[in-house]
Amino acid sequence: MKLFFKLFIFLIFFFQPALSKEFFAEYQIKTKGIKIGHLVWKVQIIDDFYETSIELTGKGVFSRIFSFDGQYGAAGKIQSKKLIPQKYSQKWVTSKKKRNVELLFNGEKISKIILDPAEKEFSRVRYNELKNYMDPLTSFLNILLGSNTSNTVDGRRVYTMELGSGTNQNRILIKKYTNIWADHKRNDLEYIDIYKKKEGILPSKINIKFKGNLFILNKI
């Protein structure tokens, strides 16, 4: 009986439903009541490996005037029920510019940041000395899975995502925001509100306050 009990606890601990499934969600994006885009978010977790991707596309009445497309991806391993990134990529295209970012991680450290176009400014942050920093997708997922804070690097900025408490328990605050390549402390990303239902790990609604504008993502 004692051996059976230990085996039962082992199975519960290592085979949580949230760590052995695929998740998929589509969102409609609005700001100031106007539809501007569509987002598809996929997460795949198998054994001790995870992979996630986001595809962002401009939609709506302004898409012909200002078009945009974004592709984001991250992959890595799972250790002690926490996601640890190994690589991250970001491709952003508008009618006026293209920008690619690639991050490579080696254990607890950032091993390389690749920017296209290349950054002409010198780095204000010794990013290769930072420890326990993660890409934005991995940080966000770790908070959705139960972490309260996550140090984050996106190739151009470093900051900490911190889950609020009390009346702000659905809000992810952005703290310790520092630009890697620019000599100013302007924080474009102010906060992220998450609204979850019991099923799955992906939110049913996300509010993002960015550059003074509120972007509302509703699951469809």
N, C-alpha and C. Protein backbone atom coordinates (compact mmCIF):
# COMPACT_ATOMS: atom_id res chain seq x y z
N MET A 1 0.82 -1.20 0.00
CA MET A 1 0.00 0.00 0.00
C MET A 1 0.86 1.26 0.00
N LYS A 2 1.94 1.26 0.78
CA LYS A 2 2.83 2.42 0.84
C LYS A 2 3.50 2.68 -0.50
N LEU A 3 3.92 1.59 -1.18
CA LEU A 3 4.55 1.71 -2.50
C LEU A 3 3.54 2.24 -3.51
N PHE A 4 2.29 1.76 -3.43
CA PHE A 4 1.25 2.24 -4.35
C PHE A 4 1.00 3.72 -4.15
N PHE A 5 0.97 4.19 -2.89
CA PHE A 5 0.74 5.60 -2.59
C PHE A 5 1.85 6.47 -3.18
N LYS A 6 3.11 6.04 -3.05
CA LYS A 6 4.24 6.80 -3.61
C LYS A 6 4.15 6.88 -5.12
N LEU A 7 3.75 5.76 -5.75
CA LEU A 7 3.61 5.74 -7.20
C LEU A 7 2.49 6.68 -7.64
N PHE A 8 1.39 6.72 -6.88
CA PHE A 8 0.26 7.60 -7.19
C PHE A 8 0.68 9.07 -7.13
N ILE A 9 1.42 9.46 -6.09
CA ILE A 9 1.90 10.84 -5.95
C ILE A 9 2.86 11.19 -7.08
N PHE A 10 3.72 10.24 -7.46
CA PHE A 10 4.67 10.46 -8.56
C PHE A 10 3.93 10.76 -9.85
N LEU A 11 2.87 9.99 -10.14
CA LEU A 11 2.13 10.17 -11.38
C LEU A 11 1.40 11.51 -11.40
N ILE A 12 0.84 11.93 -10.28
CA ILE A 12 0.14 13.21 -10.20
C ILE A 12 1.11 14.35 -10.43
N PHE A 13 2.29 14.26 -9.82
CA PHE A 13 3.25 15.36 -9.89
C PHE A 13 3.84 15.53 -11.27
N PHE A 14 4.14 14.43 -11.95
CA PHE A 14 4.86 14.52 -13.22
C PHE A 14 3.95 14.51 -14.45
N PHE A 15 2.68 14.26 -14.28
CA PHE A 15 1.81 14.20 -15.45
C PHE A 15 0.61 15.12 -15.29
N GLN A 16 0.90 16.38 -14.99
CA GLN A 16 -0.15 17.39 -14.93
C GLN A 16 -0.73 17.61 -16.33
N PRO A 17 -2.05 17.76 -16.46
CA PRO A 17 -2.66 17.96 -17.78
C PRO A 17 -2.10 19.17 -18.52
N ALA A 18 -1.78 20.25 -17.79
CA ALA A 18 -1.31 21.47 -18.46
C ALA A 18 0.08 21.31 -19.06
N LEU A 19 0.79 20.25 -18.69
CA LEU A 19 2.14 20.05 -19.20
C LEU A 19 2.22 18.89 -20.18
N SER A 20 1.11 18.48 -20.75
CA SER A 20 1.17 17.38 -21.69
C SER A 20 0.13 17.53 -22.81
N LYS A 21 -0.12 18.77 -23.21
CA LYS A 21 -1.16 19.02 -24.19
C LYS A 21 -0.73 20.05 -25.22
N GLU A 22 -1.60 20.19 -26.22
CA GLU A 22 -1.45 21.27 -27.19
C GLU A 22 -2.55 22.28 -26.94
N PHE A 23 -2.23 23.57 -27.06
CA PHE A 23 -3.19 24.63 -26.84
C PHE A 23 -3.20 25.54 -28.07
N PHE A 24 -4.40 26.01 -28.39
CA PHE A 24 -4.57 26.84 -29.58
C PHE A 24 -5.64 27.89 -29.29
N ALA A 25 -5.37 29.13 -29.69
CA ALA A 25 -6.36 30.18 -29.48
C ALA A 25 -6.23 31.23 -30.57
N GLU A 26 -7.38 31.79 -30.97
CA GLU A 26 -7.41 32.90 -31.92
C GLU A 26 -8.02 34.12 -31.22
N TYR A 27 -7.47 35.28 -31.51
CA TYR A 27 -7.94 36.50 -30.87
C TYR A 27 -8.22 37.58 -31.92
N GLN A 28 -9.26 38.35 -31.67
CA GLN A 28 -9.52 39.56 -32.44
C GLN A 28 -8.94 40.73 -31.66
N ILE A 29 -8.22 41.62 -32.35
CA ILE A 29 -7.56 42.74 -31.70
C ILE A 29 -8.29 44.04 -32.03
N LYS A 30 -8.62 44.79 -30.99
CA LYS A 30 -9.27 46.09 -31.17
C LYS A 30 -8.56 47.16 -30.35
N THR A 31 -8.62 48.38 -30.81
CA THR A 31 -8.19 49.53 -30.03
C THR A 31 -9.14 50.67 -30.33
N LYS A 32 -9.60 51.35 -29.29
CA LYS A 32 -10.57 52.45 -29.41
C LYS A 32 -11.82 51.98 -30.14
N GLY A 33 -12.20 50.71 -29.93
CA GLY A 33 -13.41 50.15 -30.51
C GLY A 33 -13.31 49.74 -31.96
N ILE A 34 -12.11 49.84 -32.55
CA ILE A 34 -11.92 49.52 -33.97
C ILE A 34 -11.07 48.26 -34.11
N LYS A 35 -11.54 47.33 -34.93
CA LYS A 35 -10.78 46.12 -35.19
C LYS A 35 -9.56 46.44 -36.03
N ILE A 36 -8.38 46.00 -35.55
CA ILE A 36 -7.15 46.28 -36.28
C ILE A 36 -6.35 45.03 -36.62
N GLY A 37 -6.67 43.89 -36.00
CA GLY A 37 -5.82 42.73 -36.27
C GLY A 37 -6.39 41.41 -35.77
N HIS A 38 -5.65 40.37 -36.10
CA HIS A 38 -6.01 38.99 -35.77
C HIS A 38 -4.76 38.28 -35.28
N LEU A 39 -4.89 37.52 -34.20
CA LEU A 39 -3.73 36.83 -33.61
C LEU A 39 -4.04 35.36 -33.39
N VAL A 40 -3.08 34.51 -33.75
CA VAL A 40 -3.18 33.07 -33.53
C VAL A 40 -2.03 32.64 -32.62
N TRP A 41 -2.36 31.96 -31.54
CA TRP A 41 -1.36 31.55 -30.54
C TRP A 41 -1.41 30.04 -30.37
N LYS A 42 -0.27 29.40 -30.54
CA LYS A 42 -0.17 27.95 -30.39
C LYS A 42 0.89 27.62 -29.33
N VAL A 43 0.58 26.61 -28.53
CA VAL A 43 1.52 26.12 -27.53
C VAL A 43 1.52 24.60 -27.58
N GLN A 44 2.68 24.02 -27.64
CA GLN A 44 2.82 22.56 -27.63
C GLN A 44 3.82 22.17 -26.54
N ILE A 45 3.38 21.30 -25.64
CA ILE A 45 4.25 20.84 -24.56
C ILE A 45 4.26 19.32 -24.57
N ILE A 46 5.43 18.75 -24.78
CA ILE A 46 5.59 17.30 -24.83
C ILE A 46 6.75 16.90 -23.93
N ASP A 47 6.44 16.11 -22.92
CA ASP A 47 7.45 15.65 -21.96
C ASP A 47 8.20 16.85 -21.37
N ASP A 48 9.49 16.97 -21.65
CA ASP A 48 10.28 18.05 -21.06
C ASP A 48 10.66 19.11 -22.10
N PHE A 49 9.84 19.25 -23.14
CA PHE A 49 10.12 20.21 -24.20
C PHE A 49 8.86 21.01 -24.49
N TYR A 50 9.03 22.31 -24.78
CA TYR A 50 7.90 23.14 -25.17
C TYR A 50 8.24 23.96 -26.41
N GLU A 51 7.21 24.32 -27.13
CA GLU A 51 7.35 25.18 -28.30
C GLU A 51 6.09 26.03 -28.42
N THR A 52 6.25 27.31 -28.70
CA THR A 52 5.10 28.19 -28.82
C THR A 52 5.32 29.17 -29.96
N SER A 53 4.22 29.60 -30.58
CA SER A 53 4.32 30.55 -31.70
C SER A 53 3.10 31.46 -31.70
N ILE A 54 3.32 32.67 -32.19
CA ILE A 54 2.25 33.65 -32.37
C ILE A 54 2.34 34.22 -33.78
N GLU A 55 1.21 34.27 -34.46
CA GLU A 55 1.13 34.92 -35.77
C GLU A 55 0.16 36.09 -35.66
N LEU A 56 0.63 37.26 -36.02
CA LEU A 56 -0.13 38.49 -35.89
C LEU A 56 -0.32 39.11 -37.27
N THR A 57 -1.57 39.43 -37.60
CA THR A 57 -1.88 39.97 -38.93
C THR A 57 -2.81 41.17 -38.80
N GLY A 58 -2.52 42.20 -39.56
CA GLY A 58 -3.39 43.37 -39.57
C GLY A 58 -4.69 43.08 -40.29
N LYS A 59 -5.81 43.47 -39.70
CA LYS A 59 -7.14 43.27 -40.29
C LYS A 59 -7.98 44.51 -40.02
N GLY A 60 -8.99 44.71 -40.81
CA GLY A 60 -9.91 45.81 -40.55
C GLY A 60 -9.78 46.94 -41.55
N VAL A 61 -10.48 48.04 -41.27
CA VAL A 61 -10.60 49.14 -42.22
C VAL A 61 -9.27 49.85 -42.48
N PHE A 62 -8.33 49.78 -41.52
CA PHE A 62 -7.07 50.49 -41.68
C PHE A 62 -5.94 49.60 -42.22
N SER A 63 -6.24 48.34 -42.50
CA SER A 63 -5.19 47.40 -42.91
C SER A 63 -4.56 47.77 -44.26
N ARG A 64 -5.34 48.43 -45.12
CA ARG A 64 -4.78 48.83 -46.42
C ARG A 64 -3.87 50.06 -46.28
N ILE A 65 -4.16 50.88 -45.29
CA ILE A 65 -3.34 52.08 -45.07
C ILE A 65 -2.09 51.74 -44.28
N PHE A 66 -2.28 50.98 -43.19
CA PHE A 66 -1.14 50.59 -42.35
C PHE A 66 -1.21 49.08 -42.11
N SER A 67 -0.48 48.34 -42.92
CA SER A 67 -0.48 46.88 -42.80
C SER A 67 0.66 46.43 -41.88
N PHE A 68 0.45 45.33 -41.20
CA PHE A 68 1.50 44.78 -40.36
C PHE A 68 1.33 43.27 -40.23
N ASP A 69 2.46 42.60 -40.10
CA ASP A 69 2.48 41.16 -39.88
C ASP A 69 3.61 40.86 -38.90
N GLY A 70 3.33 39.99 -37.95
CA GLY A 70 4.34 39.60 -36.99
C GLY A 70 4.35 38.10 -36.77
N GLN A 71 5.54 37.53 -36.66
CA GLN A 71 5.70 36.12 -36.35
C GLN A 71 6.67 36.00 -35.18
N TYR A 72 6.22 35.31 -34.15
CA TYR A 72 7.03 35.17 -32.94
C TYR A 72 7.09 33.69 -32.56
N GLY A 73 8.24 33.24 -32.11
CA GLY A 73 8.37 31.84 -31.73
C GLY A 73 9.40 31.64 -30.64
N ALA A 74 9.17 30.65 -29.80
CA ALA A 74 10.12 30.32 -28.74
C ALA A 74 10.07 28.82 -28.50
N ALA A 75 11.19 28.27 -28.08
CA ALA A 75 11.27 26.85 -27.78
C ALA A 75 12.33 26.63 -26.71
N GLY A 76 12.15 25.56 -25.97
CA GLY A 76 13.11 25.26 -24.92
C GLY A 76 12.72 24.01 -24.16
N LYS A 77 13.21 23.89 -22.96
CA LYS A 77 12.96 22.70 -22.15
C LYS A 77 12.21 23.07 -20.87
N ILE A 78 11.73 22.03 -20.20
CA ILE A 78 10.99 22.21 -18.96
C ILE A 78 11.79 21.59 -17.82
N GLN A 79 12.06 22.40 -16.81
CA GLN A 79 12.79 21.93 -15.63
C GLN A 79 12.04 22.34 -14.38
N SER A 80 11.73 21.38 -13.54
CA SER A 80 10.99 21.64 -12.29
C SER A 80 9.71 22.42 -12.57
N LYS A 81 9.00 22.02 -13.62
CA LYS A 81 7.71 22.61 -14.02
C LYS A 81 7.83 24.07 -14.43
N LYS A 82 9.03 24.49 -14.84
CA LYS A 82 9.26 25.84 -15.31
C LYS A 82 9.84 25.79 -16.72
N LEU A 83 9.40 26.70 -17.60
CA LEU A 83 9.88 26.74 -18.98
C LEU A 83 11.20 27.50 -19.03
N ILE A 84 12.21 26.90 -19.67
CA ILE A 84 13.54 27.49 -19.80
C ILE A 84 13.83 27.63 -21.29
N PRO A 85 13.96 28.86 -21.81
CA PRO A 85 14.12 29.04 -23.26
C PRO A 85 15.50 28.64 -23.77
N GLN A 86 15.52 28.19 -25.02
CA GLN A 86 16.78 27.94 -25.73
C GLN A 86 16.91 28.85 -26.95
N LYS A 87 15.77 29.22 -27.54
CA LYS A 87 15.82 30.14 -28.68
C LYS A 87 14.50 30.90 -28.80
N TYR A 88 14.61 32.08 -29.39
CA TYR A 88 13.45 32.95 -29.60
C TYR A 88 13.66 33.69 -30.90
N SER A 89 12.58 33.88 -31.66
CA SER A 89 12.67 34.63 -32.91
C SER A 89 11.48 35.55 -33.05
N GLN A 90 11.72 36.66 -33.72
CA GLN A 90 10.66 37.64 -33.95
C GLN A 90 10.85 38.26 -35.33
N LYS A 91 9.79 38.26 -36.12
CA LYS A 91 9.81 38.90 -37.43
C LYS A 91 8.64 39.87 -37.49
N TRP A 92 8.95 41.12 -37.76
CA TRP A 92 7.93 42.18 -37.76
C TRP A 92 8.03 42.96 -39.07
N VAL A 93 6.92 43.03 -39.79
CA VAL A 93 6.89 43.69 -41.10
C VAL A 93 5.71 44.66 -41.14
N THR A 94 5.99 45.92 -41.51
CA THR A 94 4.94 46.89 -41.77
C THR A 94 5.17 47.47 -43.16
N SER A 95 4.31 48.39 -43.55
CA SER A 95 4.46 49.02 -44.86
C SER A 95 5.71 49.89 -44.93
N LYS A 96 6.31 50.21 -43.76
CA LYS A 96 7.45 51.10 -43.73
C LYS A 96 8.76 50.44 -43.31
N LYS A 97 8.69 49.31 -42.61
CA LYS A 97 9.94 48.73 -42.13
C LYS A 97 9.83 47.23 -41.88
N LYS A 98 11.00 46.60 -41.84
CA LYS A 98 11.12 45.20 -41.48
C LYS A 98 12.12 45.08 -40.34
N ARG A 99 11.84 44.18 -39.42
CA ARG A 99 12.75 44.01 -38.29
C ARG A 99 12.72 42.56 -37.83
N ASN A 100 13.90 41.97 -37.71
CA ASN A 100 14.04 40.60 -37.24
C ASN A 100 14.89 40.57 -35.97
N VAL A 101 14.49 39.73 -35.04
CA VAL A 101 15.24 39.55 -33.80
C VAL A 101 15.38 38.05 -33.54
N GLU A 102 16.57 37.64 -33.14
CA GLU A 102 16.79 36.26 -32.75
C GLU A 102 17.61 36.24 -31.46
N LEU A 103 17.14 35.47 -30.48
CA LEU A 103 17.85 35.32 -29.22
C LEU A 103 18.21 33.86 -29.03
N LEU A 104 19.45 33.62 -28.59
CA LEU A 104 19.90 32.28 -28.26
C LEU A 104 20.29 32.25 -26.79
N PHE A 105 19.88 31.19 -26.11
CA PHE A 105 20.15 31.05 -24.69
C PHE A 105 21.02 29.82 -24.45
N ASN A 106 21.88 29.94 -23.46
CA ASN A 106 22.73 28.83 -23.06
C ASN A 106 22.61 28.67 -21.56
N GLY A 107 21.75 27.74 -21.15
CA GLY A 107 21.52 27.57 -19.73
C GLY A 107 20.80 28.77 -19.16
N GLU A 108 21.41 29.41 -18.18
CA GLU A 108 20.79 30.55 -17.51
C GLU A 108 21.14 31.88 -18.18
N LYS A 109 21.96 31.87 -19.22
CA LYS A 109 22.45 33.11 -19.81
C LYS A 109 22.01 33.29 -21.26
N ILE A 110 22.05 34.55 -21.69
CA ILE A 110 21.81 34.89 -23.09
C ILE A 110 23.13 34.76 -23.83
N SER A 111 23.21 33.89 -24.80
CA SER A 111 24.48 33.67 -25.49
C SER A 111 24.64 34.59 -26.71
N LYS A 112 23.51 34.98 -27.33
CA LYS A 112 23.64 35.82 -28.53
C LYS A 112 22.33 36.55 -28.81
N ILE A 113 22.47 37.80 -29.25
CA ILE A 113 21.35 38.59 -29.78
C ILE A 113 21.68 38.97 -31.21
N ILE A 114 20.80 38.59 -32.14
CA ILE A 114 21.00 38.88 -33.56
C ILE A 114 19.88 39.81 -34.01
N LEU A 115 20.24 40.98 -34.51
CA LEU A 115 19.26 41.97 -34.96
C LEU A 115 19.45 42.26 -36.44
N ASP A 116 18.35 42.36 -37.17
CA ASP A 116 18.39 42.71 -38.58
C ASP A 116 17.24 43.69 -38.85
N PRO A 117 17.56 44.95 -39.15
CA PRO A 117 18.90 45.50 -39.37
C PRO A 117 19.72 45.57 -38.08
N ALA A 118 21.02 45.52 -38.26
CA ALA A 118 21.93 45.53 -37.11
C ALA A 118 21.83 46.86 -36.38
N GLU A 119 22.00 46.80 -35.07
CA GLU A 119 21.94 48.01 -34.25
C GLU A 119 23.25 48.78 -34.35
N LYS A 120 23.15 50.10 -34.60
CA LYS A 120 24.34 50.94 -34.74
C LYS A 120 24.83 51.49 -33.40
N GLU A 121 23.92 51.57 -32.42
CA GLU A 121 24.29 52.06 -31.11
C GLU A 121 25.04 50.99 -30.32
N PHE A 122 25.79 51.42 -29.31
CA PHE A 122 26.46 50.45 -28.44
C PHE A 122 25.49 50.01 -27.35
N SER A 123 25.73 48.84 -26.81
CA SER A 123 24.85 48.28 -25.80
C SER A 123 25.02 49.00 -24.46
N ARG A 124 23.89 49.45 -23.90
CA ARG A 124 23.90 50.06 -22.56
C ARG A 124 23.75 49.01 -21.46
N VAL A 125 23.49 47.77 -21.85
CA VAL A 125 23.29 46.68 -20.90
C VAL A 125 24.23 45.53 -21.27
N ARG A 126 24.92 44.99 -20.30
CA ARG A 126 25.77 43.82 -20.54
C ARG A 126 24.88 42.57 -20.51
N TYR A 127 24.18 42.40 -21.61
CA TYR A 127 23.17 41.34 -21.63
C TYR A 127 23.76 39.94 -21.53
N ASN A 128 25.01 39.76 -21.95
CA ASN A 128 25.62 38.43 -21.86
C ASN A 128 25.99 38.06 -20.43
N GLU A 129 25.84 39.02 -19.50
CA GLU A 129 26.11 38.73 -18.09
C GLU A 129 24.82 38.53 -17.29
N LEU A 130 23.68 38.76 -17.94
CA LEU A 130 22.41 38.59 -17.25
C LEU A 130 22.11 37.12 -17.02
N LYS A 131 21.51 36.80 -15.88
CA LYS A 131 21.15 35.42 -15.56
C LYS A 131 19.65 35.32 -15.32
N ASN A 132 19.11 34.16 -15.69
CA ASN A 132 17.69 33.87 -15.46
C ASN A 132 16.76 34.86 -16.17
N TYR A 133 17.13 35.26 -17.37
CA TYR A 133 16.26 36.08 -18.21
C TYR A 133 15.66 35.22 -19.32
N MET A 134 14.43 35.53 -19.68
CA MET A 134 13.71 34.75 -20.67
C MET A 134 13.13 35.65 -21.75
N ASP A 135 12.80 35.07 -22.87
CA ASP A 135 12.14 35.82 -23.93
C ASP A 135 10.70 36.15 -23.52
N PRO A 136 10.04 37.09 -24.18
CA PRO A 136 8.70 37.52 -23.78
C PRO A 136 7.65 36.42 -23.78
N LEU A 137 7.66 35.54 -24.78
CA LEU A 137 6.67 34.47 -24.83
C LEU A 137 6.83 33.50 -23.67
N THR A 138 8.08 33.11 -23.40
CA THR A 138 8.33 32.19 -22.30
C THR A 138 8.00 32.81 -20.96
N SER A 139 8.35 34.09 -20.77
CA SER A 139 8.01 34.78 -19.53
C SER A 139 6.50 34.80 -19.31
N PHE A 140 5.77 35.16 -20.36
CA PHE A 140 4.31 35.24 -20.26
C PHE A 140 3.71 33.88 -19.93
N LEU A 141 4.19 32.83 -20.60
CA LEU A 141 3.68 31.49 -20.33
C LEU A 141 3.99 31.04 -18.91
N ASN A 142 5.19 31.34 -18.42
CA ASN A 142 5.53 30.96 -17.05
C ASN A 142 4.60 31.61 -16.04
N ILE A 143 4.22 32.87 -16.28
CA ILE A 143 3.27 33.52 -15.38
C ILE A 143 1.89 32.88 -15.49
N LEU A 144 1.47 32.54 -16.70
CA LEU A 144 0.20 31.86 -16.87
C LEU A 144 0.19 30.50 -16.18
N LEU A 145 1.37 29.87 -16.06
CA LEU A 145 1.48 28.57 -15.41
C LEU A 145 1.73 28.67 -13.91
N GLY A 146 1.79 29.90 -13.36
CA GLY A 146 1.86 30.02 -11.92
C GLY A 146 2.98 30.84 -11.34
N SER A 147 3.95 31.29 -12.14
CA SER A 147 5.03 32.12 -11.61
C SER A 147 4.50 33.53 -11.31
N ASN A 148 5.08 34.17 -10.31
CA ASN A 148 4.68 35.54 -9.96
C ASN A 148 5.52 36.58 -10.68
N THR A 149 6.76 36.26 -10.99
CA THR A 149 7.65 37.20 -11.68
C THR A 149 8.46 36.46 -12.74
N SER A 150 8.93 37.20 -13.73
CA SER A 150 9.80 36.63 -14.74
C SER A 150 10.64 37.73 -15.37
N ASN A 151 11.95 37.61 -15.29
CA ASN A 151 12.85 38.56 -15.94
C ASN A 151 12.84 38.31 -17.44
N THR A 152 12.78 39.40 -18.22
CA THR A 152 12.49 39.27 -19.65
C THR A 152 13.45 40.09 -20.49
N VAL A 153 13.84 39.53 -21.64
CA VAL A 153 14.64 40.24 -22.63
C VAL A 153 14.00 40.00 -23.99
N ASP A 154 13.85 41.07 -24.80
CA ASP A 154 13.23 40.90 -26.12
C ASP A 154 14.16 41.30 -27.26
N GLY A 155 15.44 41.53 -26.94
CA GLY A 155 16.41 41.91 -27.96
C GLY A 155 16.71 43.38 -27.98
N ARG A 156 15.77 44.18 -27.49
CA ARG A 156 15.94 45.63 -27.44
C ARG A 156 15.75 46.21 -26.05
N ARG A 157 15.08 45.47 -25.19
CA ARG A 157 14.82 45.93 -23.83
C ARG A 157 14.93 44.78 -22.85
N VAL A 158 15.20 45.10 -21.60
CA VAL A 158 15.11 44.13 -20.51
C VAL A 158 14.13 44.69 -19.48
N TYR A 159 13.34 43.82 -18.90
CA TYR A 159 12.37 44.25 -17.90
C TYR A 159 11.90 43.03 -17.11
N THR A 160 11.12 43.29 -16.09
CA THR A 160 10.56 42.21 -15.27
C THR A 160 9.05 42.23 -15.36
N MET A 161 8.46 41.09 -15.70
CA MET A 161 7.02 40.92 -15.62
C MET A 161 6.68 40.48 -14.20
N GLU A 162 5.78 41.21 -13.57
CA GLU A 162 5.43 40.90 -12.18
C GLU A 162 3.92 40.89 -12.02
N LEU A 163 3.40 39.77 -11.55
CA LEU A 163 1.96 39.63 -11.36
C LEU A 163 1.51 40.44 -10.15
N GLY A 164 0.45 41.25 -10.34
CA GLY A 164 -0.04 42.09 -9.26
C GLY A 164 -0.77 41.28 -8.20
N SER A 165 -1.24 41.97 -7.17
CA SER A 165 -1.96 41.34 -6.07
C SER A 165 -3.19 42.17 -5.74
N GLY A 166 -4.05 41.62 -4.90
CA GLY A 166 -5.25 42.34 -4.51
C GLY A 166 -6.17 42.62 -5.68
N THR A 167 -6.52 43.89 -5.86
CA THR A 167 -7.41 44.26 -6.97
C THR A 167 -6.71 44.17 -8.32
N ASN A 168 -5.38 44.04 -8.32
CA ASN A 168 -4.62 43.94 -9.57
C ASN A 168 -4.07 42.53 -9.80
N GLN A 169 -4.74 41.51 -9.27
CA GLN A 169 -4.21 40.15 -9.37
C GLN A 169 -4.28 39.59 -10.80
N ASN A 170 -5.01 40.24 -11.69
CA ASN A 170 -5.04 39.84 -13.10
C ASN A 170 -4.08 40.66 -13.95
N ARG A 171 -3.35 41.57 -13.33
CA ARG A 171 -2.50 42.50 -14.08
C ARG A 171 -1.03 42.12 -13.95
N ILE A 172 -0.35 42.06 -15.10
CA ILE A 172 1.10 41.87 -15.13
C ILE A 172 1.74 43.25 -15.26
N LEU A 173 2.46 43.66 -14.24
CA LEU A 173 3.12 44.95 -14.25
C LEU A 173 4.49 44.83 -14.89
N ILE A 174 4.92 45.88 -15.56
CA ILE A 174 6.23 45.91 -16.21
C ILE A 174 7.16 46.78 -15.36
N LYS A 175 8.18 46.16 -14.78
CA LYS A 175 9.09 46.87 -13.88
C LYS A 175 10.54 46.71 -14.33
N LYS A 176 11.40 47.54 -13.79
CA LYS A 176 12.85 47.51 -14.06
C LYS A 176 13.12 47.56 -15.57
N TYR A 177 12.40 48.41 -16.26
CA TYR A 177 12.46 48.53 -17.72
C TYR A 177 13.71 49.31 -18.13
N THR A 178 14.54 48.69 -18.95
CA THR A 178 15.77 49.34 -19.41
C THR A 178 15.97 49.06 -20.89
N ASN A 179 16.25 50.11 -21.65
CA ASN A 179 16.56 49.94 -23.07
C ASN A 179 18.01 49.49 -23.25
N ILE A 180 18.22 48.48 -24.07
CA ILE A 180 19.58 47.97 -24.29
C ILE A 180 20.38 48.92 -25.17
N TRP A 181 19.74 49.47 -26.21
CA TRP A 181 20.48 50.22 -27.22
C TRP A 181 20.21 51.72 -27.19
N ALA A 182 19.24 52.17 -26.42
CA ALA A 182 18.88 53.58 -26.41
C ALA A 182 19.15 54.20 -25.04
N ASP A 183 19.53 55.47 -25.04
CA ASP A 183 19.89 56.16 -23.81
C ASP A 183 18.67 56.93 -23.27
N HIS A 184 17.61 56.20 -22.97
CA HIS A 184 16.45 56.81 -22.32
C HIS A 184 15.71 55.71 -21.55
N LYS A 185 14.82 56.10 -20.67
CA LYS A 185 14.12 55.17 -19.81
C LYS A 185 12.62 55.11 -20.13
N ARG A 186 12.26 55.49 -21.35
CA ARG A 186 10.85 55.46 -21.73
C ARG A 186 10.34 54.02 -21.77
N ASN A 187 9.23 53.80 -21.10
CA ASN A 187 8.64 52.47 -21.03
C ASN A 187 7.41 52.43 -21.93
N ASP A 188 7.55 51.83 -23.11
CA ASP A 188 6.43 51.76 -24.05
C ASP A 188 5.36 50.77 -23.57
N LEU A 189 5.79 49.67 -22.95
CA LEU A 189 4.86 48.65 -22.46
C LEU A 189 4.55 48.92 -20.99
N GLU A 190 3.30 49.27 -20.68
CA GLU A 190 2.94 49.66 -19.32
C GLU A 190 2.43 48.49 -18.49
N TYR A 191 1.49 47.73 -19.03
CA TYR A 191 0.97 46.57 -18.29
C TYR A 191 0.22 45.64 -19.23
N ILE A 192 -0.06 44.43 -18.74
CA ILE A 192 -0.85 43.44 -19.46
C ILE A 192 -1.88 42.87 -18.49
N ASP A 193 -3.16 42.92 -18.85
CA ASP A 193 -4.21 42.30 -18.05
C ASP A 193 -4.58 40.96 -18.67
N ILE A 194 -4.71 39.94 -17.83
CA ILE A 194 -5.06 38.61 -18.32
C ILE A 194 -6.34 38.13 -17.63
N TYR A 195 -7.22 37.53 -18.44
CA TYR A 195 -8.47 36.99 -17.92
C TYR A 195 -8.55 35.54 -18.38
N LYS A 196 -8.54 34.62 -17.42
CA LYS A 196 -8.49 33.20 -17.73
C LYS A 196 -9.77 32.50 -17.30
N LYS A 197 -10.10 31.46 -18.05
CA LYS A 197 -11.14 30.53 -17.65
C LYS A 197 -10.48 29.25 -17.15
N LYS A 198 -11.26 28.34 -16.63
CA LYS A 198 -10.68 27.15 -16.01
C LYS A 198 -9.97 26.25 -17.03
N GLU A 199 -10.53 26.15 -18.23
CA GLU A 199 -9.96 25.23 -19.19
C GLU A 199 -8.74 25.84 -19.88
N GLY A 200 -7.70 25.03 -20.08
CA GLY A 200 -6.51 25.46 -20.81
C GLY A 200 -5.67 26.45 -20.03
N ILE A 201 -4.62 26.93 -20.68
CA ILE A 201 -3.74 27.91 -20.04
C ILE A 201 -3.78 29.26 -20.74
N LEU A 202 -4.30 29.33 -21.96
CA LEU A 202 -4.32 30.58 -22.70
C LEU A 202 -5.51 31.43 -22.27
N PRO A 203 -5.31 32.71 -22.06
CA PRO A 203 -6.38 33.59 -21.56
C PRO A 203 -7.54 33.72 -22.54
N SER A 204 -8.72 34.02 -22.00
CA SER A 204 -9.89 34.29 -22.83
C SER A 204 -9.89 35.73 -23.31
N LYS A 205 -9.15 36.60 -22.58
CA LYS A 205 -9.06 38.00 -22.94
C LYS A 205 -7.73 38.56 -22.44
N ILE A 206 -7.14 39.44 -23.24
CA ILE A 206 -5.88 40.09 -22.87
C ILE A 206 -5.99 41.57 -23.19
N ASN A 207 -5.65 42.41 -22.23
CA ASN A 207 -5.55 43.85 -22.46
C ASN A 207 -4.09 44.26 -22.37
N ILE A 208 -3.62 45.03 -23.35
CA ILE A 208 -2.22 45.46 -23.37
C ILE A 208 -2.18 46.98 -23.47
N LYS A 209 -1.55 47.61 -22.50
CA LYS A 209 -1.36 49.07 -22.56
C LYS A 209 0.04 49.33 -23.12
N PHE A 210 0.08 49.85 -24.35
CA PHE A 210 1.34 50.02 -25.07
C PHE A 210 1.37 51.39 -25.72
N LYS A 211 2.40 52.16 -25.42
CA LYS A 211 2.56 53.52 -25.96
C LYS A 211 1.32 54.37 -25.74
N GLY A 212 0.71 54.23 -24.57
CA GLY A 212 -0.44 55.03 -24.21
C GLY A 212 -1.76 54.54 -24.77
N ASN A 213 -1.75 53.53 -25.63
CA ASN A 213 -2.97 52.98 -26.22
C ASN A 213 -3.33 51.65 -25.58
N LEU A 214 -4.62 51.38 -25.45
CA LEU A 214 -5.09 50.13 -24.90
C LEU A 214 -5.53 49.21 -26.05
N PHE A 215 -4.87 48.05 -26.14
CA PHE A 215 -5.20 47.06 -27.16
C PHE A 215 -5.93 45.90 -26.46
N ILE A 216 -7.11 45.55 -26.98
CA ILE A 216 -7.95 44.51 -26.37
C ILE A 216 -7.98 43.31 -27.28
N LEU A 217 -7.58 42.15 -26.74
CA LEU A 217 -7.57 40.90 -27.48
C LEU A 217 -8.65 39.99 -26.90
N ASN A 218 -9.67 39.72 -27.69
CA ASN A 218 -10.77 38.83 -27.27
C ASN A 218 -10.66 37.51 -28.02
N LYS A 219 -10.73 36.43 -27.27
CA LYS A 219 -10.66 35.10 -27.86
C LYS A 219 -11.92 34.83 -28.70
N ILE A 220 -11.73 34.26 -29.89
CA ILE A 220 -12.86 33.99 -30.78
C ILE A 220 -12.93 32.51 -31.11
